Amino acid sequence: MMSVSVELRSVAGTEAAMGWAGAHAVVVDRPQGKAGGMGLGFNGAQLLALAIGGCLCNDLRYIAHGRGVVLGKIAVSVSVTLEGDPILATSATADITCETLDGSDPQVVIDAAKDICMAKNSLQRGFPVAITSS
């Protein structure tokens, strides 16, 4: 079994949080004027969309490398639909465009990346989330 962990801490002088994993960091905040937000970073829905899109981008590269295909440009656009109170993500749509440098059909790589995408597969199947306090 493999595990990934991140840490988040409040940012002094703001109501935002800084999140990090290893040497990589991201700022998490609400939009300007929303519950003390200053618009300094991504909100949760944006991070969810980025997780889906980022996972797909990486998986496109994993698949292409494994098949000896060199990819050129990759573009992934993700939209997450939010509904209800409390607000829930009820669906997400990702649109992928990529090119192969040898002119072969990129759809084979796209289809394989869709099949192995950890973020997509995890969200579709659902998984328990435990929240504790200390």
N, C-alpha and C. Protein backbone atom coordinates (compact mmCIF):
# COMPACT_ATOMS: atom_id res chain seq x y z
N MET A 1 0.85 -1.17 0.00
CA MET A 1 0.00 0.00 0.00
C MET A 1 0.89 1.23 0.00
N MET A 2 0.49 2.24 -0.73
CA MET A 2 1.21 3.49 -0.81
C MET A 2 0.35 4.58 -0.17
N SER A 3 0.98 5.62 0.34
CA SER A 3 0.27 6.71 1.00
C SER A 3 0.91 8.03 0.60
N VAL A 4 0.08 9.06 0.49
CA VAL A 4 0.55 10.41 0.20
C VAL A 4 0.01 11.31 1.29
N SER A 5 0.85 12.21 1.80
CA SER A 5 0.41 13.14 2.84
C SER A 5 0.77 14.57 2.45
N VAL A 6 -0.07 15.49 2.85
CA VAL A 6 0.21 16.92 2.69
C VAL A 6 0.01 17.59 4.03
N GLU A 7 0.51 18.79 4.17
CA GLU A 7 0.33 19.60 5.37
C GLU A 7 -0.24 20.94 4.97
N LEU A 8 -1.08 21.51 5.82
CA LEU A 8 -1.60 22.86 5.61
C LEU A 8 -1.48 23.63 6.92
N ARG A 9 -1.14 24.90 6.82
CA ARG A 9 -1.05 25.78 7.98
C ARG A 9 -1.57 27.15 7.59
N SER A 10 -2.10 27.86 8.58
CA SER A 10 -2.58 29.21 8.32
C SER A 10 -1.40 30.12 7.97
N VAL A 11 -1.68 31.13 7.16
CA VAL A 11 -0.68 32.11 6.75
C VAL A 11 -0.89 33.35 7.60
N ALA A 12 0.12 33.73 8.39
CA ALA A 12 0.02 34.88 9.28
C ALA A 12 -0.40 36.14 8.52
N GLY A 13 -1.30 36.91 9.13
CA GLY A 13 -1.77 38.15 8.53
C GLY A 13 -2.85 37.98 7.50
N THR A 14 -3.27 36.73 7.27
CA THR A 14 -4.34 36.45 6.31
C THR A 14 -5.26 35.40 6.94
N GLU A 15 -6.31 35.07 6.24
CA GLU A 15 -7.14 33.94 6.64
C GLU A 15 -6.99 32.79 5.64
N ALA A 16 -5.89 32.85 4.90
CA ALA A 16 -5.58 31.81 3.92
C ALA A 16 -4.74 30.72 4.58
N ALA A 17 -4.52 29.64 3.84
CA ALA A 17 -3.67 28.55 4.30
C ALA A 17 -2.64 28.24 3.23
N MET A 18 -1.49 27.78 3.67
CA MET A 18 -0.45 27.31 2.76
C MET A 18 -0.42 25.80 2.89
N GLY A 19 -0.49 25.13 1.77
CA GLY A 19 -0.39 23.68 1.77
C GLY A 19 0.87 23.26 1.06
N TRP A 20 1.47 22.15 1.52
CA TRP A 20 2.68 21.69 0.87
C TRP A 20 2.83 20.18 0.97
N ALA A 21 3.56 19.69 0.02
CA ALA A 21 3.99 18.28 -0.01
C ALA A 21 5.42 18.32 -0.51
N GLY A 22 6.35 17.92 0.33
CA GLY A 22 7.77 18.01 -0.05
C GLY A 22 8.14 19.45 -0.32
N ALA A 23 8.71 19.71 -1.48
CA ALA A 23 9.17 21.06 -1.84
C ALA A 23 8.13 21.86 -2.62
N HIS A 24 6.91 21.34 -2.76
CA HIS A 24 5.88 22.00 -3.56
C HIS A 24 4.83 22.60 -2.65
N ALA A 25 4.38 23.83 -2.98
CA ALA A 25 3.43 24.53 -2.13
C ALA A 25 2.31 25.15 -2.95
N VAL A 26 1.17 25.36 -2.28
CA VAL A 26 0.02 26.00 -2.90
C VAL A 26 -0.71 26.81 -1.82
N VAL A 27 -1.29 27.93 -2.22
CA VAL A 27 -2.07 28.74 -1.30
C VAL A 27 -3.55 28.42 -1.49
N VAL A 28 -4.25 28.25 -0.37
CA VAL A 28 -5.68 27.94 -0.37
C VAL A 28 -6.40 29.10 0.30
N ASP A 29 -7.43 29.63 -0.35
CA ASP A 29 -8.16 30.79 0.18
C ASP A 29 -9.55 30.82 -0.42
N ARG A 30 -10.37 31.69 0.11
CA ARG A 30 -11.67 31.94 -0.47
C ARG A 30 -11.59 33.17 -1.36
N PRO A 31 -12.60 33.37 -2.23
CA PRO A 31 -12.58 34.57 -3.06
C PRO A 31 -12.57 35.84 -2.20
N GLN A 32 -12.07 36.91 -2.75
CA GLN A 32 -12.03 38.21 -2.08
C GLN A 32 -13.41 38.54 -1.51
N GLY A 33 -13.46 38.84 -0.23
CA GLY A 33 -14.69 39.26 0.42
C GLY A 33 -15.59 38.13 0.87
N LYS A 34 -15.24 36.89 0.64
CA LYS A 34 -16.07 35.74 1.06
C LYS A 34 -15.47 35.14 2.32
N ALA A 35 -16.16 35.29 3.44
CA ALA A 35 -15.75 34.68 4.72
C ALA A 35 -14.30 35.00 5.07
N GLY A 36 -13.91 36.25 4.87
CA GLY A 36 -12.55 36.68 5.19
C GLY A 36 -11.52 36.37 4.12
N GLY A 37 -11.96 35.82 3.01
CA GLY A 37 -11.03 35.48 1.94
C GLY A 37 -10.43 36.72 1.30
N MET A 38 -9.22 36.55 0.83
CA MET A 38 -8.52 37.64 0.15
C MET A 38 -8.20 37.28 -1.30
N GLY A 39 -8.70 36.14 -1.74
CA GLY A 39 -8.43 35.71 -3.12
C GLY A 39 -6.96 35.42 -3.36
N LEU A 40 -6.25 34.98 -2.33
CA LEU A 40 -4.81 34.75 -2.44
C LEU A 40 -4.46 33.41 -3.07
N GLY A 41 -5.43 32.52 -3.18
CA GLY A 41 -5.12 31.20 -3.71
C GLY A 41 -6.37 30.50 -4.21
N PHE A 42 -6.23 29.22 -4.43
CA PHE A 42 -7.31 28.39 -4.96
C PHE A 42 -8.31 28.04 -3.87
N ASN A 43 -9.59 27.93 -4.25
CA ASN A 43 -10.57 27.40 -3.30
C ASN A 43 -10.66 25.89 -3.48
N GLY A 44 -11.44 25.24 -2.64
CA GLY A 44 -11.51 23.78 -2.66
C GLY A 44 -12.00 23.22 -3.98
N ALA A 45 -13.00 23.84 -4.58
CA ALA A 45 -13.53 23.34 -5.85
C ALA A 45 -12.47 23.45 -6.96
N GLN A 46 -11.74 24.55 -6.95
CA GLN A 46 -10.67 24.71 -7.94
C GLN A 46 -9.58 23.67 -7.74
N LEU A 47 -9.25 23.40 -6.47
CA LEU A 47 -8.25 22.37 -6.19
C LEU A 47 -8.72 20.99 -6.63
N LEU A 48 -10.01 20.72 -6.45
CA LEU A 48 -10.57 19.45 -6.91
C LEU A 48 -10.44 19.33 -8.43
N ALA A 49 -10.79 20.40 -9.14
CA ALA A 49 -10.68 20.39 -10.59
C ALA A 49 -9.22 20.24 -11.02
N LEU A 50 -8.32 20.94 -10.32
CA LEU A 50 -6.89 20.81 -10.63
C LEU A 50 -6.38 19.40 -10.36
N ALA A 51 -6.89 18.76 -9.32
CA ALA A 51 -6.48 17.38 -9.03
C ALA A 51 -6.87 16.46 -10.17
N ILE A 52 -8.08 16.62 -10.67
CA ILE A 52 -8.55 15.79 -11.79
C ILE A 52 -7.70 16.07 -13.03
N GLY A 53 -7.58 17.33 -13.38
CA GLY A 53 -6.83 17.71 -14.58
C GLY A 53 -5.35 17.40 -14.49
N GLY A 54 -4.77 17.65 -13.32
CA GLY A 54 -3.35 17.36 -13.14
C GLY A 54 -3.06 15.88 -13.23
N CYS A 55 -3.94 15.08 -12.65
CA CYS A 55 -3.80 13.63 -12.72
C CYS A 55 -3.87 13.17 -14.18
N LEU A 56 -4.81 13.70 -14.93
CA LEU A 56 -4.92 13.34 -16.35
C LEU A 56 -3.68 13.75 -17.13
N CYS A 57 -3.16 14.95 -16.88
CA CYS A 57 -1.94 15.40 -17.57
C CYS A 57 -0.79 14.44 -17.30
N ASN A 58 -0.60 14.07 -16.04
CA ASN A 58 0.47 13.14 -15.69
C ASN A 58 0.24 11.77 -16.33
N ASP A 59 -1.00 11.30 -16.30
CA ASP A 59 -1.29 9.98 -16.87
C ASP A 59 -1.09 9.94 -18.38
N LEU A 60 -1.38 11.04 -19.06
CA LEU A 60 -1.10 11.10 -20.49
C LEU A 60 0.39 10.86 -20.74
N ARG A 61 1.22 11.50 -19.91
CA ARG A 61 2.68 11.33 -20.05
C ARG A 61 3.11 9.91 -19.69
N TYR A 62 2.55 9.36 -18.60
CA TYR A 62 2.89 7.98 -18.22
C TYR A 62 2.59 7.01 -19.35
N ILE A 63 1.39 7.12 -19.89
CA ILE A 63 0.98 6.22 -20.97
C ILE A 63 1.87 6.42 -22.20
N ALA A 64 2.07 7.66 -22.59
CA ALA A 64 2.88 7.94 -23.78
C ALA A 64 4.30 7.40 -23.61
N HIS A 65 4.91 7.64 -22.46
CA HIS A 65 6.26 7.14 -22.23
C HIS A 65 6.29 5.62 -22.30
N GLY A 66 5.32 4.98 -21.70
CA GLY A 66 5.26 3.53 -21.70
C GLY A 66 5.10 2.93 -23.09
N ARG A 67 4.51 3.68 -24.00
CA ARG A 67 4.28 3.19 -25.36
C ARG A 67 5.30 3.73 -26.36
N GLY A 68 6.24 4.53 -25.86
CA GLY A 68 7.24 5.10 -26.75
C GLY A 68 6.71 6.19 -27.66
N VAL A 69 5.62 6.84 -27.24
CA VAL A 69 5.01 7.92 -28.01
C VAL A 69 5.44 9.24 -27.40
N VAL A 70 5.87 10.18 -28.24
CA VAL A 70 6.26 11.49 -27.75
C VAL A 70 5.09 12.45 -27.96
N LEU A 71 4.64 13.06 -26.86
CA LEU A 71 3.54 14.01 -26.95
C LEU A 71 4.08 15.42 -27.12
N GLY A 72 3.34 16.21 -27.87
CA GLY A 72 3.63 17.64 -27.99
C GLY A 72 2.76 18.38 -26.99
N LYS A 73 1.94 19.26 -27.50
CA LYS A 73 1.08 20.07 -26.63
C LYS A 73 -0.02 19.22 -25.99
N ILE A 74 -0.28 19.52 -24.73
CA ILE A 74 -1.39 18.93 -24.00
C ILE A 74 -2.23 20.07 -23.45
N ALA A 75 -3.54 19.97 -23.58
CA ALA A 75 -4.46 20.94 -22.97
C ALA A 75 -5.58 20.16 -22.30
N VAL A 76 -5.80 20.42 -21.03
CA VAL A 76 -6.88 19.77 -20.29
C VAL A 76 -7.71 20.87 -19.63
N SER A 77 -8.99 20.89 -19.90
CA SER A 77 -9.92 21.82 -19.26
C SER A 77 -10.88 21.02 -18.41
N VAL A 78 -11.05 21.43 -17.15
CA VAL A 78 -11.92 20.71 -16.22
C VAL A 78 -12.95 21.65 -15.66
N SER A 79 -14.19 21.20 -15.64
CA SER A 79 -15.30 21.94 -15.04
C SER A 79 -15.94 21.06 -13.98
N VAL A 80 -16.12 21.62 -12.78
CA VAL A 80 -16.76 20.90 -11.69
C VAL A 80 -18.09 21.59 -11.39
N THR A 81 -19.18 20.83 -11.36
CA THR A 81 -20.50 21.36 -11.03
C THR A 81 -20.72 21.25 -9.52
N LEU A 82 -21.16 22.34 -8.91
CA LEU A 82 -21.39 22.41 -7.48
C LEU A 82 -22.86 22.70 -7.22
N GLU A 83 -23.44 21.97 -6.25
CA GLU A 83 -24.85 22.15 -5.93
C GLU A 83 -25.09 21.90 -4.46
N GLY A 84 -26.21 22.42 -3.95
CA GLY A 84 -26.71 22.07 -2.63
C GLY A 84 -26.20 22.93 -1.49
N ASP A 85 -26.70 22.57 -0.31
CA ASP A 85 -26.30 23.24 0.93
C ASP A 85 -26.30 22.19 2.03
N PRO A 86 -25.18 21.67 2.47
CA PRO A 86 -23.84 22.16 2.12
C PRO A 86 -23.49 21.84 0.67
N ILE A 87 -22.64 22.68 0.12
CA ILE A 87 -22.29 22.54 -1.29
C ILE A 87 -21.51 21.25 -1.53
N LEU A 88 -21.88 20.58 -2.61
CA LEU A 88 -21.23 19.34 -3.01
C LEU A 88 -20.83 19.42 -4.48
N ALA A 89 -19.73 18.79 -4.80
CA ALA A 89 -19.38 18.59 -6.21
C ALA A 89 -20.26 17.44 -6.70
N THR A 90 -21.09 17.71 -7.71
CA THR A 90 -22.02 16.70 -8.19
C THR A 90 -21.60 16.06 -9.51
N SER A 91 -20.69 16.71 -10.22
CA SER A 91 -20.16 16.13 -11.45
C SER A 91 -18.93 16.92 -11.88
N ALA A 92 -18.16 16.30 -12.74
CA ALA A 92 -16.99 16.97 -13.31
C ALA A 92 -16.86 16.51 -14.76
N THR A 93 -16.40 17.42 -15.59
CA THR A 93 -16.15 17.12 -16.99
C THR A 93 -14.75 17.58 -17.34
N ALA A 94 -13.99 16.71 -17.97
CA ALA A 94 -12.64 17.06 -18.41
C ALA A 94 -12.58 16.90 -19.92
N ASP A 95 -12.00 17.90 -20.58
CA ASP A 95 -11.82 17.85 -22.03
C ASP A 95 -10.32 17.86 -22.30
N ILE A 96 -9.85 16.85 -23.02
CA ILE A 96 -8.42 16.68 -23.29
C ILE A 96 -8.15 16.89 -24.77
N THR A 97 -7.13 17.67 -25.05
CA THR A 97 -6.58 17.79 -26.38
C THR A 97 -5.09 17.56 -26.27
N CYS A 98 -4.56 16.70 -27.11
CA CYS A 98 -3.10 16.54 -27.13
C CYS A 98 -2.68 16.13 -28.53
N GLU A 99 -1.39 16.32 -28.78
CA GLU A 99 -0.86 15.94 -30.08
C GLU A 99 0.33 15.02 -29.90
N THR A 100 0.50 14.14 -30.84
CA THR A 100 1.69 13.29 -30.87
C THR A 100 2.65 13.89 -31.89
N LEU A 101 3.93 13.83 -31.60
CA LEU A 101 4.90 14.43 -32.50
C LEU A 101 5.14 13.59 -33.75
N ASP A 102 4.75 12.30 -33.70
CA ASP A 102 4.91 11.46 -34.89
C ASP A 102 3.66 11.45 -35.77
N GLY A 103 2.64 12.21 -35.37
CA GLY A 103 1.42 12.28 -36.17
C GLY A 103 0.44 11.15 -35.94
N SER A 104 0.74 10.24 -35.03
CA SER A 104 -0.18 9.14 -34.76
C SER A 104 -1.40 9.67 -34.00
N ASP A 105 -2.44 8.87 -33.98
CA ASP A 105 -3.69 9.27 -33.34
C ASP A 105 -3.51 9.32 -31.82
N PRO A 106 -3.66 10.49 -31.20
CA PRO A 106 -3.49 10.59 -29.75
C PRO A 106 -4.63 9.98 -28.96
N GLN A 107 -5.73 9.63 -29.61
CA GLN A 107 -6.90 9.11 -28.89
C GLN A 107 -6.58 7.83 -28.13
N VAL A 108 -5.67 7.02 -28.65
CA VAL A 108 -5.27 5.79 -27.97
C VAL A 108 -4.63 6.12 -26.62
N VAL A 109 -3.78 7.14 -26.59
CA VAL A 109 -3.14 7.58 -25.35
C VAL A 109 -4.18 8.20 -24.42
N ILE A 110 -5.06 9.01 -24.96
CA ILE A 110 -6.11 9.66 -24.15
C ILE A 110 -7.00 8.60 -23.50
N ASP A 111 -7.44 7.62 -24.27
CA ASP A 111 -8.32 6.57 -23.73
C ASP A 111 -7.64 5.80 -22.60
N ALA A 112 -6.37 5.46 -22.78
CA ALA A 112 -5.64 4.72 -21.75
C ALA A 112 -5.46 5.59 -20.50
N ALA A 113 -5.19 6.88 -20.67
CA ALA A 113 -5.03 7.78 -19.52
C ALA A 113 -6.34 7.89 -18.76
N LYS A 114 -7.47 7.97 -19.47
CA LYS A 114 -8.78 8.03 -18.81
C LYS A 114 -9.00 6.78 -17.96
N ASP A 115 -8.56 5.65 -18.46
CA ASP A 115 -8.78 4.38 -17.74
C ASP A 115 -8.00 4.30 -16.43
N ILE A 116 -6.80 4.88 -16.37
CA ILE A 116 -5.96 4.73 -15.18
C ILE A 116 -5.97 5.95 -14.27
N CYS A 117 -6.70 7.00 -14.61
CA CYS A 117 -6.66 8.25 -13.84
C CYS A 117 -7.11 8.03 -12.40
N MET A 118 -6.18 8.12 -11.47
CA MET A 118 -6.45 7.88 -10.05
C MET A 118 -7.52 8.82 -9.51
N ALA A 119 -7.44 10.11 -9.84
CA ALA A 119 -8.42 11.07 -9.32
C ALA A 119 -9.82 10.73 -9.82
N LYS A 120 -9.96 10.51 -11.12
CA LYS A 120 -11.27 10.17 -11.69
C LYS A 120 -11.79 8.87 -11.11
N ASN A 121 -10.97 7.84 -11.10
CA ASN A 121 -11.41 6.54 -10.61
C ASN A 121 -11.79 6.59 -9.13
N SER A 122 -11.02 7.29 -8.32
CA SER A 122 -11.30 7.40 -6.89
C SER A 122 -12.61 8.13 -6.65
N LEU A 123 -12.82 9.24 -7.35
CA LEU A 123 -14.06 10.00 -7.16
C LEU A 123 -15.27 9.21 -7.63
N GLN A 124 -15.16 8.52 -8.76
CA GLN A 124 -16.28 7.75 -9.28
C GLN A 124 -16.66 6.61 -8.35
N ARG A 125 -15.70 5.99 -7.74
CA ARG A 125 -15.97 4.85 -6.86
C ARG A 125 -16.30 5.29 -5.44
N GLY A 126 -15.87 6.48 -5.07
CA GLY A 126 -16.07 6.95 -3.72
C GLY A 126 -15.11 6.29 -2.75
N PHE A 127 -14.76 6.99 -1.72
CA PHE A 127 -13.87 6.43 -0.70
C PHE A 127 -14.12 7.15 0.60
N PRO A 128 -13.87 6.47 1.72
CA PRO A 128 -14.13 7.10 3.01
C PRO A 128 -13.13 8.22 3.31
N VAL A 129 -13.62 9.25 3.94
CA VAL A 129 -12.77 10.36 4.38
C VAL A 129 -13.03 10.55 5.87
N ALA A 130 -12.00 10.36 6.67
CA ALA A 130 -12.12 10.54 8.12
C ALA A 130 -11.53 11.88 8.49
N ILE A 131 -12.24 12.64 9.30
CA ILE A 131 -11.74 13.93 9.78
C ILE A 131 -11.71 13.87 11.30
N THR A 132 -10.52 14.06 11.86
CA THR A 132 -10.34 14.03 13.31
C THR A 132 -9.86 15.40 13.78
N SER A 133 -9.84 15.60 15.07
CA SER A 133 -9.30 16.85 15.62
C SER A 133 -8.36 16.51 16.76
N SER A 134 -7.38 17.39 16.97
CA SER A 134 -6.44 17.15 18.07
C SER A 134 -6.21 18.42 18.85
